[in-house]
């Protein structure tokens, strides 16, 4: 996922973050629709509503995420974005241990938000992405349970590509005239969306949304490593501490039941 984000970051000098997000959705939608062929089985009204909602939220999550990473280190962006899954997990809290885990992760997000106040717009975009990420967890679980497989995801990605078109198309000129840039944008769609989101759909059918939201806490670690190795981003001490607190939240949580 974050190898794709690193590629996307390098594209911001040629096309806007919104354009990269749109082309990412287009590439992922093309791949997933070709694989899943969602038209093969009938859709109920409830399934269509869920998939459309999922697609809109996913599109907004991708666009706001790239708007944030254009201003804030990749690892810190992901850690701040975790405010969404934290909120989802909070609705399922059943023990003091879970509360402690959420407090640790929430403290990490708060520390990052305060420390990065000089990049307040980037933090604001990351928080917006976090809200969308929470919606992604909830709606993704619903779509996964309603449709099975990845046909619901394929439909949702197609919707997301349409929704983002008015925002992404105006800034995508270089990609539409340069085969190299267009190919890289398509690669971002496969690396950051098609593969990981398809895996998410299978995982969400096997574990609770609470467990899934907390497992996402490992993502700031991978994002930080990719940011350091691929983008030469060196997190400051307060960023490392904030990211560490988010990860501690997962460790404190420990194993939970995996039935849903």
Protein backbone atom coordinates (compact mmCIF):
# COMPACT_ATOMS: atom_id res chain seq x y z
CA UNK A 1 0.00 0.00 0.00
CA UNK A 2 2.65 2.54 0.98
CA UNK A 3 5.02 1.66 -1.82
CA UNK A 4 2.16 2.92 -3.96
CA UNK A 5 1.91 6.04 -1.76
CA UNK A 6 5.63 6.70 -2.28
CA UNK A 7 5.17 6.49 -6.04
CA UNK A 8 2.19 8.84 -5.78
CA UNK A 9 4.23 11.36 -3.78
CA UNK A 10 6.82 11.53 -6.54
CA UNK A 11 4.05 12.26 -9.04
CA UNK A 12 2.83 15.39 -7.24
CA UNK A 13 5.34 17.52 -9.16
CA UNK A 14 3.65 16.51 -12.43
CA UNK A 15 -0.03 16.21 -11.47
CA UNK A 16 -2.10 17.39 -8.52
CA UNK A 17 -2.78 15.13 -5.52
CA UNK A 18 -6.46 15.09 -6.49
CA UNK A 19 -5.54 13.91 -9.98
CA UNK A 20 -3.34 11.13 -8.61
CA UNK A 21 -6.22 10.03 -6.36
CA UNK A 22 -8.62 10.01 -9.32
CA UNK A 23 -6.26 8.09 -11.60
CA UNK A 24 -5.57 5.69 -8.74
CA UNK A 25 -9.30 4.99 -8.46
CA UNK A 26 -9.63 4.61 -12.23
CA UNK A 27 -6.76 2.13 -12.43
CA UNK A 28 -7.99 0.10 -9.47
CA UNK A 29 -11.58 0.12 -10.74
CA UNK A 30 -10.52 -1.12 -14.17
CA UNK A 31 -8.58 -4.01 -12.66
CA UNK A 32 -11.20 -5.02 -10.09
CA UNK A 33 -14.17 -4.73 -12.45
CA UNK A 34 -12.31 -6.87 -14.98
CA UNK A 35 -11.59 -9.50 -12.32
CA UNK A 36 -14.88 -9.49 -10.39
CA UNK A 37 -17.35 -8.68 -13.20
CA UNK A 38 -19.98 -7.42 -10.73
CA UNK A 39 -22.77 -7.46 -13.33
CA UNK A 40 -22.86 -11.27 -13.33
CA UNK A 41 -25.25 -11.48 -10.37
CA UNK A 42 -28.29 -9.35 -9.48
CA UNK A 43 -28.02 -6.49 -6.98
CA UNK A 44 -30.55 -5.60 -4.32
CA UNK A 45 -31.37 -1.99 -3.50
CA UNK A 46 -29.59 -2.29 -0.13
CA UNK A 47 -26.45 -3.67 -1.78
CA UNK A 48 -26.36 -0.84 -4.31
CA UNK A 49 -26.78 1.81 -1.61
CA UNK A 50 -24.00 0.27 0.49
CA UNK A 51 -21.62 -0.04 -2.46
CA UNK A 52 -22.28 3.52 -3.63
CA UNK A 53 -21.72 4.88 -0.11
CA UNK A 54 -18.55 2.82 0.18
CA UNK A 55 -17.30 4.16 -3.14
CA UNK A 56 -17.92 7.80 -2.20
CA UNK A 57 -16.18 7.42 1.17
CA UNK A 58 -13.24 5.58 -0.38
CA UNK A 59 -12.80 8.27 -3.02
CA UNK A 60 -12.85 11.00 -0.38
CA UNK A 61 -10.40 9.04 1.78
CA UNK A 62 -7.90 8.71 -1.06
CA UNK A 63 -8.13 12.35 -2.12
CA UNK A 64 -7.77 13.79 1.39
CA UNK A 65 -4.94 11.36 2.15
CA UNK A 66 -2.92 12.62 -0.81
CA UNK A 67 -3.69 16.23 0.07
CA UNK A 68 -2.20 15.48 3.50
CA UNK A 69 0.88 13.57 2.31
CA UNK A 70 1.74 16.46 0.02
CA UNK A 71 2.36 18.47 3.23
CA UNK A 72 3.10 16.02 6.08
CA UNK A 73 5.46 13.03 6.34
CA UNK A 74 3.89 9.77 5.21
CA UNK A 75 4.17 8.00 8.58
CA UNK A 76 2.74 10.94 10.51
CA UNK A 77 -0.12 11.32 8.05
CA UNK A 78 -1.10 7.69 8.49
CA UNK A 79 -0.86 7.94 12.28
CA UNK A 80 -3.10 11.05 12.39
CA UNK A 81 -5.48 9.40 9.95
CA UNK A 82 -5.89 6.62 12.49
CA UNK A 83 -8.32 8.83 14.42
CA UNK A 84 -11.04 7.29 12.21
CA UNK A 85 -10.44 3.63 13.05
CA UNK A 86 -9.96 4.66 16.70
CA UNK A 87 -13.47 6.09 16.71
CA UNK A 88 -14.86 2.93 15.12
CA UNK A 89 -13.12 0.80 17.72
CA UNK A 90 -14.43 3.03 20.53
CA UNK A 91 -18.01 2.06 19.70
CA UNK A 92 -17.12 -1.58 20.37
CA UNK A 93 -15.14 -1.09 23.60
CA UNK A 94 -16.04 -3.70 26.22
CA UNK A 95 -13.11 -3.61 28.67
CA UNK A 96 -10.72 -1.32 30.53
CA UNK A 97 -7.88 -2.82 28.49
CA UNK A 98 -9.55 -1.69 25.29
CA UNK A 99 -10.04 1.79 26.76
CA UNK A 100 -6.33 1.96 27.64
CA UNK A 101 -5.42 0.90 24.12
CA UNK A 102 -7.60 3.60 22.61
CA UNK A 103 -6.24 6.25 24.98
CA UNK A 104 -2.67 5.39 23.96
CA UNK A 105 -3.47 5.54 20.26
CA UNK A 106 -5.53 8.68 20.68
CA UNK A 107 -2.70 10.31 22.63
CA UNK A 108 -0.33 9.58 19.78
CA UNK A 109 -2.67 11.21 17.27
CA UNK A 110 -3.07 14.23 19.55
CA UNK A 111 0.70 14.61 19.97
CA UNK A 112 1.21 14.53 16.23
CA UNK A 113 -1.57 17.03 15.63
CA UNK A 114 -0.09 19.51 18.12
CA UNK A 115 3.51 19.00 17.00
CA UNK A 116 2.61 19.56 13.35
CA UNK A 117 0.58 22.72 13.92
CA UNK A 118 2.90 24.58 11.52
CA UNK A 119 1.45 22.31 8.84
CA UNK A 120 -2.09 22.77 10.08
CA UNK A 121 -3.66 22.38 6.64
CA UNK A 122 -1.89 19.06 6.15
CA UNK A 123 -3.06 17.93 9.59
CA UNK A 124 -6.61 19.00 8.73
CA UNK A 125 -6.53 16.93 5.54
CA UNK A 126 -5.16 13.96 7.50
CA UNK A 127 -7.96 14.26 10.08
CA UNK A 128 -10.52 14.44 7.26
CA UNK A 129 -8.96 11.32 5.77
CA UNK A 130 -9.26 9.69 9.19
CA UNK A 131 -12.99 10.36 9.31
CA UNK A 132 -13.30 8.79 5.87
CA UNK A 133 -11.14 5.86 6.99
CA UNK A 134 -13.58 5.18 9.81
CA UNK A 135 -16.38 5.15 7.25
CA UNK A 136 -14.30 2.83 5.07
CA UNK A 137 -14.07 0.28 7.91
CA UNK A 138 -17.80 0.38 8.67
CA UNK A 139 -19.07 0.43 5.07
CA UNK A 140 -16.39 -1.99 3.89
CA UNK A 141 -17.55 -4.54 6.45
CA UNK A 142 -21.16 -4.05 5.33
CA UNK A 143 -20.34 -4.48 1.63
CA UNK A 144 -18.20 -7.52 2.39
CA UNK A 145 -21.00 -9.20 4.34
CA UNK A 146 -23.67 -8.37 1.76
CA UNK A 147 -21.93 -9.45 -1.42
CA UNK A 148 -19.03 -11.74 -0.57
CA UNK A 149 -15.93 -11.83 -2.73
CA UNK A 150 -14.85 -8.52 -4.24
CA UNK A 151 -17.74 -7.67 -6.57
CA UNK A 152 -19.01 -5.04 -4.13
CA UNK A 153 -15.55 -3.50 -3.96
CA UNK A 154 -15.30 -3.42 -7.76
CA UNK A 155 -18.64 -1.62 -8.02
CA UNK A 156 -17.62 0.82 -5.28
CA UNK A 157 -14.32 1.67 -6.95
CA UNK A 158 -16.15 2.43 -10.20
CA UNK A 159 -18.43 4.81 -8.30
CA UNK A 160 -15.44 6.41 -6.61
CA UNK A 161 -13.72 7.03 -9.94
CA UNK A 162 -16.83 8.80 -11.24
CA UNK A 163 -17.21 10.89 -8.09
CA UNK A 164 -13.58 12.06 -8.17
CA UNK A 165 -13.56 12.90 -11.88
CA UNK A 166 -14.62 16.58 -11.49
CA UNK A 167 -11.82 17.12 -8.95
CA UNK A 168 -9.09 15.01 -10.53
CA UNK A 169 -9.51 15.55 -14.26
CA UNK A 170 -8.56 19.28 -14.31
CA UNK A 171 -5.13 18.59 -12.77
CA UNK A 172 -4.31 15.43 -14.68
CA UNK A 173 -3.15 16.94 -17.96
CA UNK A 174 0.44 15.69 -17.76
CA UNK A 175 -0.72 12.14 -17.06
CA UNK A 176 -3.02 12.13 -20.08
CA UNK A 177 -0.22 13.16 -22.43
CA UNK A 178 2.72 11.25 -20.90
CA UNK A 179 2.57 7.45 -21.02
CA UNK A 180 5.14 7.10 -18.23
CA UNK A 181 3.15 9.21 -15.78
CA UNK A 182 -0.10 7.50 -16.72
CA UNK A 183 1.49 4.08 -16.20
CA UNK A 184 2.80 5.10 -12.77
CA UNK A 185 -0.65 6.38 -11.77
CA UNK A 186 -2.15 3.06 -12.83
CA UNK A 187 0.52 1.25 -10.80
CA UNK A 188 -0.49 3.31 -7.76
CA UNK A 189 -4.06 2.09 -8.25
CA UNK A 190 -2.96 -1.55 -8.26
CA UNK A 191 -0.46 -1.26 -5.38
CA UNK A 192 -2.45 1.02 -3.07
CA UNK A 193 -6.03 0.04 -3.85
CA UNK A 194 -6.73 -3.09 -5.88
CA UNK A 195 -4.48 -5.47 -3.92
CA UNK A 196 -4.82 -4.20 -0.31
CA UNK A 197 -8.54 -3.36 -0.54
CA UNK A 198 -9.31 -6.79 -1.99
CA UNK A 199 -7.44 -8.35 0.93
CA UNK A 200 -9.43 -6.11 3.31
CA UNK A 201 -12.69 -7.50 1.95
CA UNK A 202 -11.63 -11.05 2.81
CA UNK A 203 -10.31 -10.05 6.25
CA UNK A 204 -13.44 -8.10 7.17
CA UNK A 205 -15.55 -11.26 6.73
CA UNK A 206 -13.42 -13.12 9.27
CA UNK A 207 -12.81 -10.67 12.14
CA UNK A 208 -14.78 -8.00 13.98
CA UNK A 209 -14.69 -4.38 12.84
CA UNK A 210 -13.18 -3.52 16.23
CA UNK A 211 -10.31 -5.94 15.74
CA UNK A 212 -9.80 -4.77 12.16
CA UNK A 213 -9.67 -1.11 13.22
CA UNK A 214 -7.01 -1.86 15.83
CA UNK A 215 -4.96 -4.05 13.49
CA UNK A 216 -4.68 -1.01 11.22
CA UNK A 217 -2.41 0.53 13.87
CA UNK A 218 0.54 -1.32 12.33
CA UNK A 219 0.19 0.80 9.20
CA UNK A 220 1.96 3.89 10.63
CA UNK A 221 5.04 1.71 11.14
CA UNK A 222 5.13 0.48 7.55
CA UNK A 223 4.33 3.99 6.28
CA UNK A 224 7.19 5.46 8.34
CA UNK A 225 9.64 2.86 7.03
CA UNK A 226 8.61 3.43 3.42
CA UNK A 227 8.79 7.19 3.91
CA UNK A 228 12.33 6.88 5.27
CA UNK A 229 13.60 4.40 2.67
CA UNK A 230 11.88 5.68 -0.47
CA UNK A 231 11.27 9.37 0.24
CA UNK A 232 14.16 10.14 2.63
CA UNK A 233 11.67 11.50 5.17
CA UNK A 234 13.25 11.60 8.65
CA UNK A 235 10.56 11.86 11.34
CA UNK A 236 11.28 14.24 14.21
CA UNK A 237 11.36 12.87 17.80
CA UNK A 238 7.79 13.94 18.59
CA UNK A 239 6.60 12.24 15.41
CA UNK A 240 8.31 8.99 16.36
CA UNK A 241 6.78 9.20 19.84
CA UNK A 242 3.31 9.85 18.47
CA UNK A 243 3.59 6.97 16.01
CA UNK A 244 4.90 4.71 18.79
CA UNK A 245 1.90 5.55 21.00
CA UNK A 246 -0.46 4.54 18.20
CA UNK A 247 1.33 1.21 17.88
CA UNK A 248 1.32 0.68 21.66
CA UNK A 249 -2.46 0.89 21.47
CA UNK A 250 -2.47 -2.27 19.36
CA UNK A 251 -0.03 -4.08 21.65
CA UNK A 252 -2.09 -3.23 24.76
CA UNK A 253 -5.28 -4.40 23.08
CA UNK A 254 -3.95 -7.92 22.60
CA UNK A 255 -5.95 -10.78 21.09
CA UNK A 256 -9.72 -10.56 20.81
CA UNK A 257 -12.36 -12.86 19.50
CA UNK A 258 -12.34 -13.20 15.71
CA UNK A 259 -15.95 -14.20 15.10
CA UNK A 260 -18.41 -11.80 13.55
